[in-house]
Amino acid sequence: MEPVAPPPELEHTLPVVAYGPRRWLYIGLGCFFVGLGGVGVLLPILPTTPFLLLASYFFFRSSPRLNRWLLRSRLFGPFLRDWQRHRAVSRRVKFTAISVMLVAVAGSAYFGDLSLPWIVVLSFLALIGIIVVLRLPVLPRRS
């Protein structure tokens, strides 16, 4: 009996699940990127968003169960679901990300007793992060 191919309109939404060693590599990479995303929540200079998108990419292709777990996460789920459905983020996510970066840089510069070169490097990294966040598409307002 031949396998039945999915209808063309659904073909792009179904994951191509990896098997064997590649599956375990993808699961490992997904876990690694979730870990980096979690660290990014605590360290505002480390970007959380790209790591979570990578984790979702690898889980989607290796373990639908782990991908569902990530999408149902209270902390990461809403952002990832918005990105998957609309390829955009909410204004609140943008505002929060930029605010946290600015507070972290200002706090580090003021309380961290950093030399001027370190403040410049920190500010430059934050500027890159802010530019990335500003370039993300915004979810349309719900009517």
C-alpha atoms as a PDB file:
ATOM      1  CA  MET A   1       0.000   0.000   0.000  1.00  0.00           C
ATOM      2  CA  GLU A   2       1.456   3.378  -1.042  1.00  0.00           C
ATOM      3  CA  PRO A   3       1.514   6.285   1.418  1.00  0.00           C
ATOM      4  CA  VAL A   4      -0.967   9.018   0.653  1.00  0.00           C
ATOM      5  CA  ALA A   5       0.579  12.445   0.067  1.00  0.00           C
ATOM      6  CA  PRO A   6      -0.967  15.383   1.924  1.00  0.00           C
ATOM      7  CA  PRO A   7      -3.048  17.841  -0.073  1.00  0.00           C
ATOM      8  CA  PRO A   8      -0.880  20.586  -1.656  1.00  0.00           C
ATOM      9  CA  GLU A   9      -2.378  23.335   0.529  1.00  0.00           C
ATOM     10  CA  LEU A  10      -1.273  21.478   3.702  1.00  0.00           C
ATOM     11  CA  GLU A  11       2.092  20.313   2.470  1.00  0.00           C
ATOM     12  CA  HIS A  12       3.962  23.427   3.653  1.00  0.00           C
ATOM     13  CA  THR A  13       2.493  23.235   7.179  1.00  0.00           C
ATOM     14  CA  LEU A  14       3.449  19.647   7.927  1.00  0.00           C
ATOM     15  CA  PRO A  15       6.847  19.121   9.528  1.00  0.00           C
ATOM     16  CA  VAL A  16       9.451  16.998   7.853  1.00  0.00           C
ATOM     17  CA  VAL A  17      10.486  15.062  10.946  1.00  0.00           C
ATOM     18  CA  ALA A  18      14.110  13.951  11.055  1.00  0.00           C
ATOM     19  CA  TYR A  19      14.959  10.401  12.109  1.00  0.00           C
ATOM     20  CA  GLY A  20      18.002   8.664  13.543  1.00  0.00           C
ATOM     21  CA  PRO A  21      21.090  10.638  14.551  1.00  0.00           C
ATOM     22  CA  ARG A  22      19.839  13.812  12.867  1.00  0.00           C
ATOM     23  CA  ARG A  23      16.714  13.750  15.064  1.00  0.00           C
ATOM     24  CA  TRP A  24      18.812  13.550  18.239  1.00  0.00           C
ATOM     25  CA  LEU A  25      21.097  16.300  16.974  1.00  0.00           C
ATOM     26  CA  TYR A  26      18.052  18.539  16.327  1.00  0.00           C
ATOM     27  CA  ILE A  27      16.599  17.775  19.761  1.00  0.00           C
ATOM     28  CA  GLY A  28      19.951  18.612  21.348  1.00  0.00           C
ATOM     29  CA  LEU A  29      20.205  21.853  19.389  1.00  0.00           C
ATOM     30  CA  GLY A  30      16.627  22.758  20.300  1.00  0.00           C
ATOM     31  CA  CYS A  31      17.359  22.235  24.002  1.00  0.00           C
ATOM     32  CA  PHE A  32      20.597  24.216  23.698  1.00  0.00           C
ATOM     33  CA  PHE A  33      18.777  27.164  22.107  1.00  0.00           C
ATOM     34  CA  VAL A  34      15.979  27.065  24.703  1.00  0.00           C
ATOM     35  CA  GLY A  35      18.713  27.264  27.344  1.00  0.00           C
ATOM     36  CA  LEU A  36      20.330  30.251  25.619  1.00  0.00           C
ATOM     37  CA  GLY A  37      16.906  31.881  25.312  1.00  0.00           C
ATOM     38  CA  GLY A  38      16.344  31.364  29.047  1.00  0.00           C
ATOM     39  CA  VAL A  39      19.700  32.959  29.797  1.00  0.00           C
ATOM     40  CA  GLY A  40      18.679  35.810  27.478  1.00  0.00           C
ATOM     41  CA  VAL A  41      15.654  36.463  29.666  1.00  0.00           C
ATOM     42  CA  LEU A  42      17.998  37.092  32.598  1.00  0.00           C
ATOM     43  CA  LEU A  43      20.743  38.889  30.630  1.00  0.00           C
ATOM     44  CA  PRO A  44      19.143  41.575  28.462  1.00  0.00           C
ATOM     45  CA  ILE A  45      22.230  41.920  26.269  1.00  0.00           C
ATOM     46  CA  LEU A  46      21.830  38.301  25.089  1.00  0.00           C
ATOM     47  CA  PRO A  47      18.952  38.199  22.584  1.00  0.00           C
ATOM     48  CA  THR A  48      16.193  35.775  23.522  1.00  0.00           C
ATOM     49  CA  THR A  49      14.126  35.942  20.345  1.00  0.00           C
ATOM     50  CA  PRO A  50      16.490  34.423  17.773  1.00  0.00           C
ATOM     51  CA  PHE A  51      17.404  31.565  20.107  1.00  0.00           C
ATOM     52  CA  LEU A  52      13.753  30.684  20.698  1.00  0.00           C
ATOM     53  CA  LEU A  53      13.005  30.808  16.994  1.00  0.00           C
ATOM     54  CA  LEU A  54      15.916  28.443  16.382  1.00  0.00           C
ATOM     55  CA  ALA A  55      14.732  26.137  19.169  1.00  0.00           C
ATOM     56  CA  SER A  56      11.261  26.027  17.643  1.00  0.00           C
ATOM     57  CA  TYR A  57      12.772  25.330  14.210  1.00  0.00           C
ATOM     58  CA  PHE A  58      14.729  22.339  15.501  1.00  0.00           C
ATOM     59  CA  PHE A  59      11.888  20.996  17.669  1.00  0.00           C
ATOM     60  CA  PHE A  60       9.423  21.358  14.773  1.00  0.00           C
ATOM     61  CA  ARG A  61      11.666  19.105  12.679  1.00  0.00           C
ATOM     62  CA  SER A  62      12.588  16.567  15.340  1.00  0.00           C
ATOM     63  CA  SER A  63       9.967  16.335  18.064  1.00  0.00           C
ATOM     64  CA  PRO A  64       6.436  17.649  17.633  1.00  0.00           C
ATOM     65  CA  ARG A  65       5.924  16.969  21.364  1.00  0.00           C
ATOM     66  CA  LEU A  66       8.796  19.273  22.383  1.00  0.00           C
ATOM     67  CA  ASN A  67       7.605  21.900  19.909  1.00  0.00           C
ATOM     68  CA  ARG A  68       4.123  21.817  21.456  1.00  0.00           C
ATOM     69  CA  TRP A  69       5.722  22.150  24.907  1.00  0.00           C
ATOM     70  CA  LEU A  70       7.619  25.247  23.760  1.00  0.00           C
ATOM     71  CA  LEU A  71       4.541  26.772  22.121  1.00  0.00           C
ATOM     72  CA  ARG A  72       2.489  26.182  25.295  1.00  0.00           C
ATOM     73  CA  SER A  73       5.129  27.762  27.539  1.00  0.00           C
ATOM     74  CA  ARG A  74       3.716  30.663  29.559  1.00  0.00           C
ATOM     75  CA  LEU A  75       6.905  32.656  29.077  1.00  0.00           C
ATOM     76  CA  PHE A  76       7.786  31.935  25.447  1.00  0.00           C
ATOM     77  CA  GLY A  77       4.592  30.533  23.922  1.00  0.00           C
ATOM     78  CA  PRO A  78       2.621  33.689  23.099  1.00  0.00           C
ATOM     79  CA  PHE A  79       5.536  35.287  21.288  1.00  0.00           C
ATOM     80  CA  LEU A  80       6.335  32.138  19.314  1.00  0.00           C
ATOM     81  CA  ARG A  81       2.690  31.553  18.369  1.00  0.00           C
ATOM     82  CA  ASP A  82       2.370  35.139  17.123  1.00  0.00           C
ATOM     83  CA  TRP A  83       5.547  34.721  15.103  1.00  0.00           C
ATOM     84  CA  GLN A  84       4.415  31.418  13.576  1.00  0.00           C
ATOM     85  CA  ARG A  85       0.932  32.662  12.720  1.00  0.00           C
ATOM     86  CA  HIS A  86       1.666  36.214  11.609  1.00  0.00           C
ATOM     87  CA  ARG A  87       5.472  36.531  11.254  1.00  0.00           C
ATOM     88  CA  ALA A  88       5.196  39.529  13.586  1.00  0.00           C
ATOM     89  CA  VAL A  89       5.427  40.503  17.272  1.00  0.00           C
ATOM     90  CA  SER A  90       3.166  42.617  19.436  1.00  0.00           C
ATOM     91  CA  ARG A  91       3.967  46.240  20.264  1.00  0.00           C
ATOM     92  CA  ARG A  92       4.175  45.196  23.903  1.00  0.00           C
ATOM     93  CA  VAL A  93       6.936  42.673  23.136  1.00  0.00           C
ATOM     94  CA  LYS A  94       8.909  45.344  21.266  1.00  0.00           C
ATOM     95  CA  PHE A  95       8.426  47.926  24.000  1.00  0.00           C
ATOM     96  CA  THR A  96       9.401  45.475  26.740  1.00  0.00           C
ATOM     97  CA  ALA A  97      12.507  44.265  24.888  1.00  0.00           C
ATOM     98  CA  ILE A  98      13.778  47.780  24.200  1.00  0.00           C
ATOM     99  CA  SER A  99      12.970  49.007  27.713  1.00  0.00           C
ATOM    100  CA  VAL A 100      14.778  46.107  29.365  1.00  0.00           C
ATOM    101  CA  MET A 101      17.835  46.626  27.164  1.00  0.00           C
ATOM    102  CA  LEU A 102      17.987  50.338  27.958  1.00  0.00           C
ATOM    103  CA  VAL A 103      17.539  49.773  31.703  1.00  0.00           C
ATOM    104  CA  ALA A 104      20.186  47.031  31.681  1.00  0.00           C
ATOM    105  CA  VAL A 105      22.729  49.192  29.859  1.00  0.00           C
ATOM    106  CA  ALA A 106      22.029  52.251  32.021  1.00  0.00           C
ATOM    107  CA  GLY A 107      22.162  50.171  35.210  1.00  0.00           C
ATOM    108  CA  SER A 108      25.365  48.441  34.158  1.00  0.00           C
ATOM    109  CA  ALA A 109      27.004  51.740  33.249  1.00  0.00           C
ATOM    110  CA  TYR A 110      25.918  53.442  36.473  1.00  0.00           C
ATOM    111  CA  PHE A 111      26.284  50.653  39.032  1.00  0.00           C
ATOM    112  CA  GLY A 112      28.856  48.453  37.299  1.00  0.00           C
ATOM    113  CA  ASP A 113      31.848  50.705  37.702  1.00  0.00           C
ATOM    114  CA  LEU A 114      32.715  50.039  34.049  1.00  0.00           C
ATOM    115  CA  SER A 115      35.440  51.835  32.175  1.00  0.00           C
ATOM    116  CA  LEU A 116      34.487  53.980  29.187  1.00  0.00           C
ATOM    117  CA  PRO A 117      35.526  51.370  26.577  1.00  0.00           C
ATOM    118  CA  TRP A 118      33.260  48.765  28.208  1.00  0.00           C
ATOM    119  CA  ILE A 119      30.363  51.215  28.320  1.00  0.00           C
ATOM    120  CA  VAL A 120      30.875  51.920  24.615  1.00  0.00           C
ATOM    121  CA  VAL A 121      30.942  48.182  23.778  1.00  0.00           C
ATOM    122  CA  LEU A 122      27.857  47.542  25.909  1.00  0.00           C
ATOM    123  CA  SER A 123      26.019  50.470  24.310  1.00  0.00           C
ATOM    124  CA  PHE A 124      26.981  49.290  20.830  1.00  0.00           C
ATOM    125  CA  LEU A 125      25.664  45.769  21.503  1.00  0.00           C
ATOM    126  CA  ALA A 126      22.445  47.196  22.911  1.00  0.00           C
ATOM    127  CA  LEU A 127      22.086  49.404  19.829  1.00  0.00           C
ATOM    128  CA  ILE A 128      22.381  46.346  17.597  1.00  0.00           C
ATOM    129  CA  GLY A 129      19.714  44.589  19.691  1.00  0.00           C
ATOM    130  CA  ILE A 130      17.420  47.615  19.519  1.00  0.00           C
ATOM    131  CA  ILE A 131      17.806  47.829  15.737  1.00  0.00           C
ATOM    132  CA  VAL A 132      16.934  44.132  15.411  1.00  0.00           C
ATOM    133  CA  VAL A 133      13.842  44.560  17.605  1.00  0.00           C
ATOM    134  CA  LEU A 134      12.710  47.687  15.753  1.00  0.00           C
ATOM    135  CA  ARG A 135      12.981  45.871  12.429  1.00  0.00           C
ATOM    136  CA  LEU A 136      10.604  43.098  13.506  1.00  0.00           C
ATOM    137  CA  PRO A 137       7.146  43.459  11.946  1.00  0.00           C
ATOM    138  CA  VAL A 138       4.363  44.517  14.324  1.00  0.00           C
ATOM    139  CA  LEU A 139       1.128  42.562  14.720  1.00  0.00           C
ATOM    140  CA  PRO A 140      -1.828  44.392  13.247  1.00  0.00           C
ATOM    141  CA  ARG A 141      -4.243  45.799  15.794  1.00  0.00           C
ATOM    142  CA  ARG A 142      -7.155  43.514  16.510  1.00  0.00           C
ATOM    143  CA  SER A 143     -10.543  44.954  15.753  1.00  0.00           C
END
